[in-house]
């Protein structure tokens, strides 16, 4: 069926794009650690994305429609990957701004596209509720999308492991300062003192970095080509008829719609959980990779460990939809919160040691499973409770998630890992309180008056 073909092609395109971007992003705090360049660039991406969420998505989707918004904005990612050939504050920061500006409308267009075809598919099969179809399409998307963690991390680790000189022998004294005790690479320099042991966060061989960047750039460009050539315009599935569509509104009205959407009580209540989505992903990308994997085991193992994260994320994404149909969404959200809480406790207590390498993979795998819940269920939750105002709703989603990313990356170089774990505890608790409040309010509504 044509609808399923488009869902599959969009998923494949995003998988190729994020095979490149995730691989680059997961290594920033390790290979560009000097003066916090990597995490500063990552923070810049999400600050730019946050600003873009307020001004760009609804206008750009109105101007060039969903399909070409995705194509054009994917090319912004290629600019950032090109900058990795010459990493410095003068190259990475401007490229990060370009990426951030393009990311917001790209994700809003993707969410709008999947939600609209989900509504159309539900009508075609005679389903009274579009929620199962929307959830299923988001589940398929994130299942394919999250495999990008597998391919990107496999490529990065294979390339960085080619030179055995990258192998890092970490002594017990440095291991004491990994994990929750990790502050940043400056601590490791102070520990070694006489320079007899090099920091595990040192940049790998330059030739390998160049090779890796070239391979990843190829994947990013392939993503744009797939999207441009194979995806049908959303007009085939009723884009012009869509309720709440940006079509027909002026640019000022669209901007106001994005801001006015924040006045919706549900939007205010879901903000903390949306922030959590950014915090938890940033923690894994910047802190788990540097403080636990690179510090204790070496940068060349980051990709191998995160393959487990990506695989679990992909499996969880495809199974969440069917589980929600059986047990409802509340138990899934609660399970995700309890799983993350247990992992945070484990990260407080665990002393990473390469002699017990399996623990790296177990924690990464369960973190991926939890992330699959947040990515599929928060997205579909927005699609359900804000049906009819998708652009404004998903712009808010990316705005607040981006703020979570930006804050987490911004303090990454300044705070120690144990402080960052406490931040996660607070944000997760606030997020679940807000989410459960929405569910309580929904349950008190008469069924016939529910908004879709």
Protein backbone atom coordinates (compact mmCIF):
# COMPACT_ATOMS: atom_id res chain seq x y z
CA UNK A 1 0.00 0.00 0.00
CA UNK A 2 1.24 3.49 -0.87
CA UNK A 3 0.88 4.79 2.70
CA UNK A 4 3.08 2.00 4.09
CA UNK A 5 5.62 2.60 1.31
CA UNK A 6 5.99 6.24 2.32
CA UNK A 7 6.30 5.38 6.02
CA UNK A 8 9.04 2.86 5.12
CA UNK A 9 10.94 5.27 2.85
CA UNK A 10 10.85 8.12 5.38
CA UNK A 11 12.09 5.70 8.05
CA UNK A 12 14.93 4.50 5.79
CA UNK A 13 15.94 8.06 4.92
CA UNK A 14 16.09 9.13 8.56
CA UNK A 15 18.01 5.94 9.40
CA UNK A 16 20.71 6.85 6.86
CA UNK A 17 20.86 10.46 8.07
CA UNK A 18 21.18 9.52 11.71
CA UNK A 19 23.63 6.71 11.00
CA UNK A 20 25.87 9.66 10.19
CA UNK A 21 24.74 12.18 12.77
CA UNK A 22 24.46 9.85 15.77
CA UNK A 23 27.92 8.47 15.12
CA UNK A 24 29.35 11.99 15.03
CA UNK A 25 27.32 13.14 18.02
CA UNK A 26 28.15 10.16 20.22
CA UNK A 27 31.87 10.87 19.86
CA UNK A 28 31.87 14.65 20.35
CA UNK A 29 32.52 14.61 24.09
CA UNK A 30 35.38 12.13 23.58
CA UNK A 31 37.21 13.14 20.38
CA UNK A 32 36.64 16.91 20.65
CA UNK A 33 37.11 17.16 24.40
CA UNK A 34 39.60 20.06 24.40
CA UNK A 35 38.04 23.18 25.96
CA UNK A 36 34.68 21.44 25.76
CA UNK A 37 34.50 21.94 21.97
CA UNK A 38 32.38 18.85 21.32
CA UNK A 39 29.76 19.48 23.99
CA UNK A 40 29.68 23.21 23.17
CA UNK A 41 28.92 22.37 19.54
CA UNK A 42 26.23 19.92 20.67
CA UNK A 43 24.68 22.54 22.95
CA UNK A 44 24.74 25.05 20.09
CA UNK A 45 22.80 22.66 17.87
CA UNK A 46 19.95 22.49 20.36
CA UNK A 47 19.95 26.20 21.19
CA UNK A 48 19.59 26.91 17.46
CA UNK A 49 16.94 24.18 17.23
CA UNK A 50 15.07 25.75 20.12
CA UNK A 51 15.00 29.16 18.42
CA UNK A 52 14.08 27.53 15.12
CA UNK A 53 11.13 25.78 16.76
CA UNK A 54 9.62 29.17 17.52
CA UNK A 55 9.99 30.72 14.09
CA UNK A 56 10.72 28.28 11.28
CA UNK A 57 8.69 25.00 11.15
CA UNK A 58 5.15 26.24 10.45
CA UNK A 59 6.40 28.86 7.98
CA UNK A 60 8.69 26.47 6.09
CA UNK A 61 6.12 23.65 5.97
CA UNK A 62 3.56 26.13 4.62
CA UNK A 63 6.03 27.42 2.02
CA UNK A 64 7.55 24.23 0.58
CA UNK A 65 5.30 21.53 2.13
CA UNK A 66 6.24 18.55 4.28
CA UNK A 67 8.27 16.51 1.79
CA UNK A 68 10.60 19.26 0.59
CA UNK A 69 10.98 20.61 4.12
CA UNK A 70 12.43 17.22 5.08
CA UNK A 71 14.71 17.10 2.00
CA UNK A 72 16.08 20.62 2.41
CA UNK A 73 16.61 20.34 6.15
CA UNK A 74 18.42 17.00 5.88
CA UNK A 75 21.10 18.79 3.85
CA UNK A 76 21.79 21.01 6.88
CA UNK A 77 23.08 17.90 8.66
CA UNK A 78 25.59 17.35 5.86
CA UNK A 79 27.03 20.83 6.51
CA UNK A 80 27.76 19.88 10.14
CA UNK A 81 29.39 16.60 9.12
CA UNK A 82 31.59 18.41 6.60
CA UNK A 83 32.76 20.70 9.41
CA UNK A 84 34.14 17.62 11.22
CA UNK A 85 36.99 17.55 8.69
CA UNK A 86 38.34 20.77 10.28
CA UNK A 87 37.05 20.80 13.90
CA UNK A 88 37.40 24.14 15.68
CA UNK A 89 35.14 26.69 17.30
CA UNK A 90 35.20 28.63 14.01
CA UNK A 91 33.86 25.71 11.96
CA UNK A 92 31.76 23.55 14.28
CA UNK A 93 29.76 26.33 15.92
CA UNK A 94 28.45 27.95 12.68
CA UNK A 95 27.74 24.49 11.23
CA UNK A 96 25.92 23.54 14.45
CA UNK A 97 23.72 26.65 14.10
CA UNK A 98 22.82 25.68 10.52
CA UNK A 99 21.98 22.14 11.61
CA UNK A 100 19.87 23.34 14.52
CA UNK A 101 17.86 25.73 12.37
CA UNK A 102 17.12 22.92 9.90
CA UNK A 103 16.39 20.23 12.48
CA UNK A 104 13.23 21.78 13.92
CA UNK A 105 11.21 22.00 10.68
CA UNK A 106 12.55 18.60 9.56
CA UNK A 107 11.23 16.85 12.66
CA UNK A 108 7.97 18.81 12.64
CA UNK A 109 7.41 17.87 9.00
CA UNK A 110 8.13 14.21 9.73
CA UNK A 111 5.71 14.15 12.68
CA UNK A 112 3.04 15.97 10.70
CA UNK A 113 3.45 13.57 7.76
CA UNK A 114 3.18 10.43 9.89
CA UNK A 115 0.24 11.76 11.86
CA UNK A 116 -1.67 12.73 8.71
CA UNK A 117 -1.08 9.41 6.93
CA UNK A 118 -2.02 7.66 10.19
CA UNK A 119 -5.35 9.49 10.19
CA UNK A 120 -5.90 8.64 6.51
CA UNK A 121 -4.96 4.99 7.04
CA UNK A 122 -7.37 4.67 9.98
CA UNK A 123 -10.18 6.06 7.79
CA UNK A 124 -9.34 3.60 5.00
CA UNK A 125 -9.49 0.55 7.26
CA UNK A 126 -12.60 1.78 9.07
CA UNK A 127 -10.99 2.30 12.46
CA UNK A 128 -12.99 4.71 14.64
CA UNK A 129 -9.82 5.88 16.41
CA UNK A 130 -6.69 7.04 14.62
CA UNK A 131 -4.53 6.52 17.72
CA UNK A 132 -3.56 2.86 17.01
CA UNK A 133 -2.55 3.69 13.44
CA UNK A 134 -0.57 6.77 14.47
CA UNK A 135 1.15 4.79 17.23
CA UNK A 136 1.93 1.95 14.82
CA UNK A 137 3.47 4.30 12.23
CA UNK A 138 5.59 6.05 14.85
CA UNK A 139 6.62 2.64 16.16
CA UNK A 140 7.72 1.47 12.71
CA UNK A 141 9.55 4.75 12.13
CA UNK A 142 11.46 4.60 15.39
CA UNK A 143 12.22 0.91 15.01
CA UNK A 144 13.98 1.61 11.70
CA UNK A 145 15.34 4.96 12.87
CA UNK A 146 16.92 3.57 16.03
CA UNK A 147 18.90 0.99 14.04
CA UNK A 148 20.95 4.01 12.96
CA UNK A 149 22.64 3.66 16.35
CA UNK A 150 23.72 0.16 15.32
CA UNK A 151 25.11 1.06 11.89
CA UNK A 152 26.67 4.38 12.89
CA UNK A 153 28.32 3.00 16.00
CA UNK A 154 29.50 -0.12 14.20
CA UNK A 155 31.16 2.01 11.52
CA UNK A 156 32.80 4.32 14.06
CA UNK A 157 34.19 1.54 16.23
CA UNK A 158 35.46 -0.49 13.28
CA UNK A 159 37.25 2.54 11.85
CA UNK A 160 38.68 3.70 15.19
CA UNK A 161 39.80 0.17 16.09
CA UNK A 162 41.86 -0.24 12.92
CA UNK A 163 44.91 1.29 14.60
CA UNK A 164 45.90 -0.67 17.70
CA UNK A 165 47.73 2.44 18.92
CA UNK A 166 44.29 3.73 19.94
CA UNK A 167 44.00 0.99 22.54
CA UNK A 168 43.99 2.63 25.96
CA UNK A 169 45.43 0.97 29.05
CA UNK A 170 43.81 2.65 32.02
CA UNK A 171 45.36 2.17 35.43
CA UNK A 172 43.40 1.70 38.65
CA UNK A 173 44.09 5.25 39.77
CA UNK A 174 42.26 6.70 36.79
CA UNK A 175 39.41 4.18 37.14
CA UNK A 176 38.64 5.69 40.54
CA UNK A 177 37.73 8.92 38.77
CA UNK A 178 35.49 7.35 36.13
CA UNK A 179 31.75 6.81 36.45
CA UNK A 180 29.81 8.99 38.88
CA UNK A 181 33.10 10.54 40.11
CA UNK A 182 34.03 11.78 36.64
CA UNK A 183 34.23 15.54 36.26
CA UNK A 184 35.95 16.07 32.89
CA UNK A 185 39.21 15.42 31.06
CA UNK A 186 41.01 18.10 33.13
CA UNK A 187 40.70 15.81 36.15
CA UNK A 188 42.46 13.02 34.30
CA UNK A 189 45.33 15.33 33.41
CA UNK A 190 45.71 16.26 37.07
CA UNK A 191 45.60 12.63 38.16
CA UNK A 192 48.40 11.48 35.90
CA UNK A 193 50.58 14.38 36.99
CA UNK A 194 53.91 13.30 35.52
CA UNK A 195 52.29 12.56 32.16
CA UNK A 196 53.20 8.88 32.27
CA UNK A 197 49.62 7.88 31.48
CA UNK A 198 47.75 9.68 28.70
CA UNK A 199 44.11 10.67 29.02
CA UNK A 200 41.60 8.13 27.65
CA UNK A 201 39.80 11.11 26.04
CA UNK A 202 42.66 11.96 23.69
CA UNK A 203 41.73 12.42 20.02
CA UNK A 204 42.28 9.32 17.84
CA UNK A 205 44.55 9.26 14.79
CA UNK A 206 43.67 12.06 12.36
CA UNK A 207 43.60 9.80 9.28
CA UNK A 208 40.97 7.61 10.92
CA UNK A 209 38.85 10.64 11.82
CA UNK A 210 38.98 11.82 8.20
CA UNK A 211 38.03 8.37 6.89
CA UNK A 212 35.15 8.08 9.33
CA UNK A 213 33.86 11.56 8.46
CA UNK A 214 33.93 10.80 4.72
CA UNK A 215 31.93 7.60 5.16
CA UNK A 216 29.35 9.33 7.33
CA UNK A 217 28.99 12.23 4.90
CA UNK A 218 28.07 9.70 2.20
CA UNK A 219 25.26 8.34 4.39
CA UNK A 220 23.91 11.86 5.04
CA UNK A 221 23.77 12.74 1.36
CA UNK A 222 22.16 9.39 0.54
CA UNK A 223 19.36 10.20 3.01
CA UNK A 224 18.46 13.41 1.16
CA UNK A 225 18.47 11.60 -2.19
CA UNK A 226 16.15 8.85 -0.93
CA UNK A 227 13.70 11.40 0.47
CA UNK A 228 13.68 13.53 -2.69
CA UNK A 229 13.23 10.65 -5.14
CA UNK A 230 10.95 8.18 -3.37
CA UNK A 231 8.59 9.96 -0.94
CA UNK A 232 5.16 11.10 -2.20
CA UNK A 233 4.01 14.64 -1.40
CA UNK A 234 1.63 14.76 1.55
CA UNK A 235 -0.95 16.34 -0.78
CA UNK A 236 -1.72 12.78 -1.93
CA UNK A 237 -3.08 12.08 1.55
CA UNK A 238 -5.15 15.19 2.19
CA UNK A 239 -2.56 17.77 3.28
CA UNK A 240 -4.76 20.64 2.06
CA UNK A 241 -7.79 19.25 3.91
CA UNK A 242 -6.00 18.60 7.16
CA UNK A 243 -7.54 20.30 10.21
CA UNK A 244 -5.14 22.73 11.79
CA UNK A 245 -2.94 22.72 8.74
CA UNK A 246 -0.71 25.68 8.23
CA UNK A 247 -2.15 26.04 4.74
CA UNK A 248 -4.03 29.30 4.37
CA UNK A 249 -2.56 31.02 7.43
CA UNK A 250 -0.20 33.95 7.23
CA UNK A 251 3.34 33.64 8.56
CA UNK A 252 2.46 35.85 11.55
CA UNK A 253 -0.58 33.69 12.32
CA UNK A 254 1.51 30.55 12.17
CA UNK A 255 4.10 32.00 14.53
CA UNK A 256 1.38 33.10 16.92
CA UNK A 257 -0.16 29.62 16.75
CA UNK A 258 3.13 28.11 17.93
CA UNK A 259 3.31 30.50 20.88
CA UNK A 260 -0.39 30.34 21.69
CA UNK A 261 -0.20 26.57 21.85
CA UNK A 262 1.88 26.96 25.02
CA UNK A 263 -1.25 28.28 26.74
CA UNK A 264 -2.89 24.88 26.39
CA UNK A 265 -2.94 23.34 29.90
CA UNK A 266 -1.91 19.97 28.51
CA UNK A 267 1.08 21.55 26.79
CA UNK A 268 2.21 23.14 30.05
CA UNK A 269 1.87 19.84 31.91
CA UNK A 270 3.76 17.81 29.30
CA UNK A 271 6.71 20.23 29.18
CA UNK A 272 8.73 18.53 31.98
CA UNK A 273 8.45 15.09 30.34
CA UNK A 274 9.40 16.61 26.99
CA UNK A 275 12.43 18.19 28.66
CA UNK A 276 13.25 14.76 30.10
CA UNK A 277 13.45 13.31 26.59
CA UNK A 278 16.26 15.76 25.83
CA UNK A 279 18.03 15.31 29.16
CA UNK A 280 18.13 11.52 29.02
CA UNK A 281 19.38 11.37 25.43
CA UNK A 282 22.03 14.03 26.09
CA UNK A 283 23.21 12.16 29.18
CA UNK A 284 23.77 8.97 27.24
CA UNK A 285 25.47 10.81 24.35
CA UNK A 286 27.78 13.06 26.37
CA UNK A 287 28.12 11.61 29.87
CA UNK A 288 27.79 7.84 29.59
CA UNK A 289 30.13 7.80 26.59
CA UNK A 290 32.82 9.98 28.19
CA UNK A 291 32.51 9.36 31.96
CA UNK A 292 31.92 5.62 31.79
CA UNK A 293 33.03 4.14 28.45
CA UNK A 294 35.87 6.36 27.18
CA UNK A 295 37.27 7.06 30.64
CA UNK A 296 37.37 3.45 31.79
CA UNK A 297 37.67 1.48 28.55
CA UNK A 298 38.73 3.82 25.73
CA UNK A 299 37.03 5.81 22.96
CA UNK A 300 37.32 2.97 20.44
CA UNK A 301 34.77 0.97 22.47
CA UNK A 302 32.08 3.69 22.51
CA UNK A 303 30.53 2.51 19.26
CA UNK A 304 30.48 -1.16 20.20
CA UNK A 305 28.68 -0.44 23.48
CA UNK A 306 26.16 1.89 21.85
CA UNK A 307 25.28 -0.77 19.28
CA UNK A 308 23.56 -2.54 22.17
CA UNK A 309 21.74 0.71 22.99
CA UNK A 310 20.57 1.09 19.39
CA UNK A 311 19.45 -2.53 19.07
CA UNK A 312 17.39 -2.39 22.26
CA UNK A 313 15.95 0.97 21.21
CA UNK A 314 14.88 -0.45 17.84
CA UNK A 315 13.31 -3.57 19.34
CA UNK A 316 11.48 -1.54 21.96
CA UNK A 317 10.18 0.90 19.35
CA UNK A 318 8.51 -1.75 17.24
CA UNK A 319 6.98 -3.59 20.21
CA UNK A 320 5.65 -0.57 22.14
CA UNK A 321 2.70 -0.02 19.82
CA UNK A 322 1.30 -3.54 20.21
CA UNK A 323 1.87 -3.51 23.97
CA UNK A 324 0.04 -0.19 24.31
CA UNK A 325 -2.95 -1.70 22.48
CA UNK A 326 -3.06 -4.49 25.07
CA UNK A 327 -2.35 -2.70 28.35
CA UNK A 328 -2.83 0.99 27.58
CA UNK A 329 -0.26 3.77 27.55
CA UNK A 330 -0.14 4.55 31.31
CA UNK A 331 1.59 1.26 32.31
CA UNK A 332 4.13 1.79 29.51
CA UNK A 333 5.00 5.31 30.68
CA UNK A 334 5.27 4.13 34.29
CA UNK A 335 7.47 1.19 33.29
CA UNK A 336 9.78 3.53 31.37
CA UNK A 337 10.10 5.82 34.37
CA UNK A 338 10.85 2.97 36.79
CA UNK A 339 13.40 1.49 34.39
CA UNK A 340 15.24 4.80 34.06
CA UNK A 341 15.12 5.33 37.83
CA UNK A 342 16.71 1.91 38.39
CA UNK A 343 19.43 2.67 35.83
CA UNK A 344 20.21 6.03 37.45
CA UNK A 345 20.66 4.29 40.81
CA UNK A 346 22.96 1.76 39.15
CA UNK A 347 25.05 4.56 37.60
CA UNK A 348 25.42 6.20 41.01
CA UNK A 349 26.80 2.97 42.50
CA UNK A 350 28.68 1.30 39.63
CA UNK A 351 32.45 1.67 39.31
CA UNK A 352 33.12 1.04 35.59
CA UNK A 353 35.86 -1.51 34.98
CA UNK A 354 36.91 -2.99 31.59
CA UNK A 355 37.39 -6.35 33.32
CA UNK A 356 33.59 -6.46 33.73
CA UNK A 357 32.78 -5.20 30.25
CA UNK A 358 29.37 -6.86 30.05
CA UNK A 359 27.94 -4.25 32.44
CA UNK A 360 28.61 -1.49 29.89
CA UNK A 361 26.42 -3.34 27.40
CA UNK A 362 23.66 -4.18 29.90
CA UNK A 363 23.24 -0.57 31.02
CA UNK A 364 23.34 0.72 27.44
CA UNK A 365 20.76 -1.87 26.38
CA UNK A 366 18.28 -1.07 29.12
CA UNK A 367 18.77 2.67 28.55
CA UNK A 368 17.91 2.05 24.89
CA UNK A 369 14.76 0.16 25.89
CA UNK A 370 13.66 3.05 28.10
CA UNK A 371 14.44 5.57 25.35
CA UNK A 372 12.28 3.61 22.90
CA UNK A 373 9.34 4.17 25.23
CA UNK A 374 9.92 7.92 25.46
CA UNK A 375 10.48 8.41 21.73
CA UNK A 376 7.47 6.47 20.50
CA UNK A 377 5.02 7.26 23.26
CA UNK A 378 5.67 10.97 23.77
CA UNK A 379 5.48 11.51 20.00
CA UNK A 380 2.24 9.58 19.64
CA UNK A 381 0.84 11.19 22.82
CA UNK A 382 1.36 14.63 21.25
CA UNK A 383 -0.32 13.41 18.07
CA UNK A 384 -3.37 12.19 20.00
CA UNK A 385 -3.98 14.97 22.53
CA UNK A 386 -3.14 17.78 20.11
CA UNK A 387 -4.86 16.41 17.00
CA UNK A 388 -5.78 19.25 14.63
CA UNK A 389 -2.86 21.50 15.57
CA UNK A 390 0.04 19.25 14.65
CA UNK A 391 2.58 21.82 13.44
CA UNK A 392 2.24 24.00 16.52
CA UNK A 393 2.19 20.97 18.83
CA UNK A 394 5.21 19.24 17.34
CA UNK A 395 7.07 22.56 17.18
CA UNK A 396 6.53 22.84 20.91
CA UNK A 397 7.65 19.25 21.33
CA UNK A 398 10.95 19.94 19.57
CA UNK A 399 11.31 23.28 21.35
CA UNK A 400 11.14 21.79 24.84
CA UNK A 401 13.07 18.63 23.97
CA UNK A 402 15.75 20.84 22.42
CA UNK A 403 15.89 22.96 25.56
CA UNK A 404 16.52 19.77 27.53
CA UNK A 405 19.36 18.83 25.18
CA UNK A 406 20.80 22.36 25.25
CA UNK A 407 20.81 22.64 29.04
CA UNK A 408 22.33 19.18 29.48
CA UNK A 409 25.11 19.81 26.95
CA UNK A 410 25.72 23.34 28.27
CA UNK A 411 26.51 22.21 31.81
CA UNK A 412 28.29 19.04 30.66
CA UNK A 413 31.80 20.49 30.91
CA UNK A 414 31.14 22.25 34.24
CA UNK A 415 29.40 19.64 36.39
CA UNK A 416 30.55 16.26 37.63
CA UNK A 417 28.68 13.13 36.62
CA UNK A 418 27.05 12.59 40.02
CA UNK A 419 25.49 16.08 39.89
CA UNK A 420 24.13 15.33 36.42
CA UNK A 421 22.54 12.13 37.72
CA UNK A 422 20.71 14.14 40.40
CA UNK A 423 19.43 16.50 37.70
CA UNK A 424 18.02 13.48 35.85
CA UNK A 425 16.20 12.35 39.00
CA UNK A 426 14.49 15.73 39.40
CA UNK A 427 13.48 16.12 35.75
CA UNK A 428 12.12 12.57 35.52
CA UNK A 429 10.03 13.02 38.67
CA UNK A 430 8.59 16.33 37.46
CA UNK A 431 7.89 14.84 34.03
CA UNK A 432 5.90 11.92 35.37
CA UNK A 433 3.88 14.14 37.69
CA UNK A 434 2.86 16.31 34.74
CA UNK A 435 2.06 13.33 32.52
CA UNK A 436 -0.06 11.54 35.15
CA UNK A 437 -1.93 14.80 35.79
CA UNK A 438 -2.93 14.91 32.10
CA UNK A 439 -4.12 11.31 32.25
CA UNK A 440 -6.15 12.07 35.37
CA UNK A 441 -7.77 15.07 33.66
CA UNK A 442 -8.53 12.96 30.57
CA UNK A 443 -10.12 10.20 32.64
CA UNK A 444 -12.42 12.71 34.33
CA UNK A 445 -13.79 13.89 30.97
CA UNK A 446 -17.00 12.40 29.60
CA UNK A 447 -15.99 10.20 26.69
CA UNK A 448 -18.14 12.04 24.17
CA UNK A 449 -16.44 15.36 24.99
CA UNK A 450 -12.89 14.14 24.64
CA UNK A 451 -10.71 16.06 22.27
CA UNK A 452 -8.71 14.07 19.76
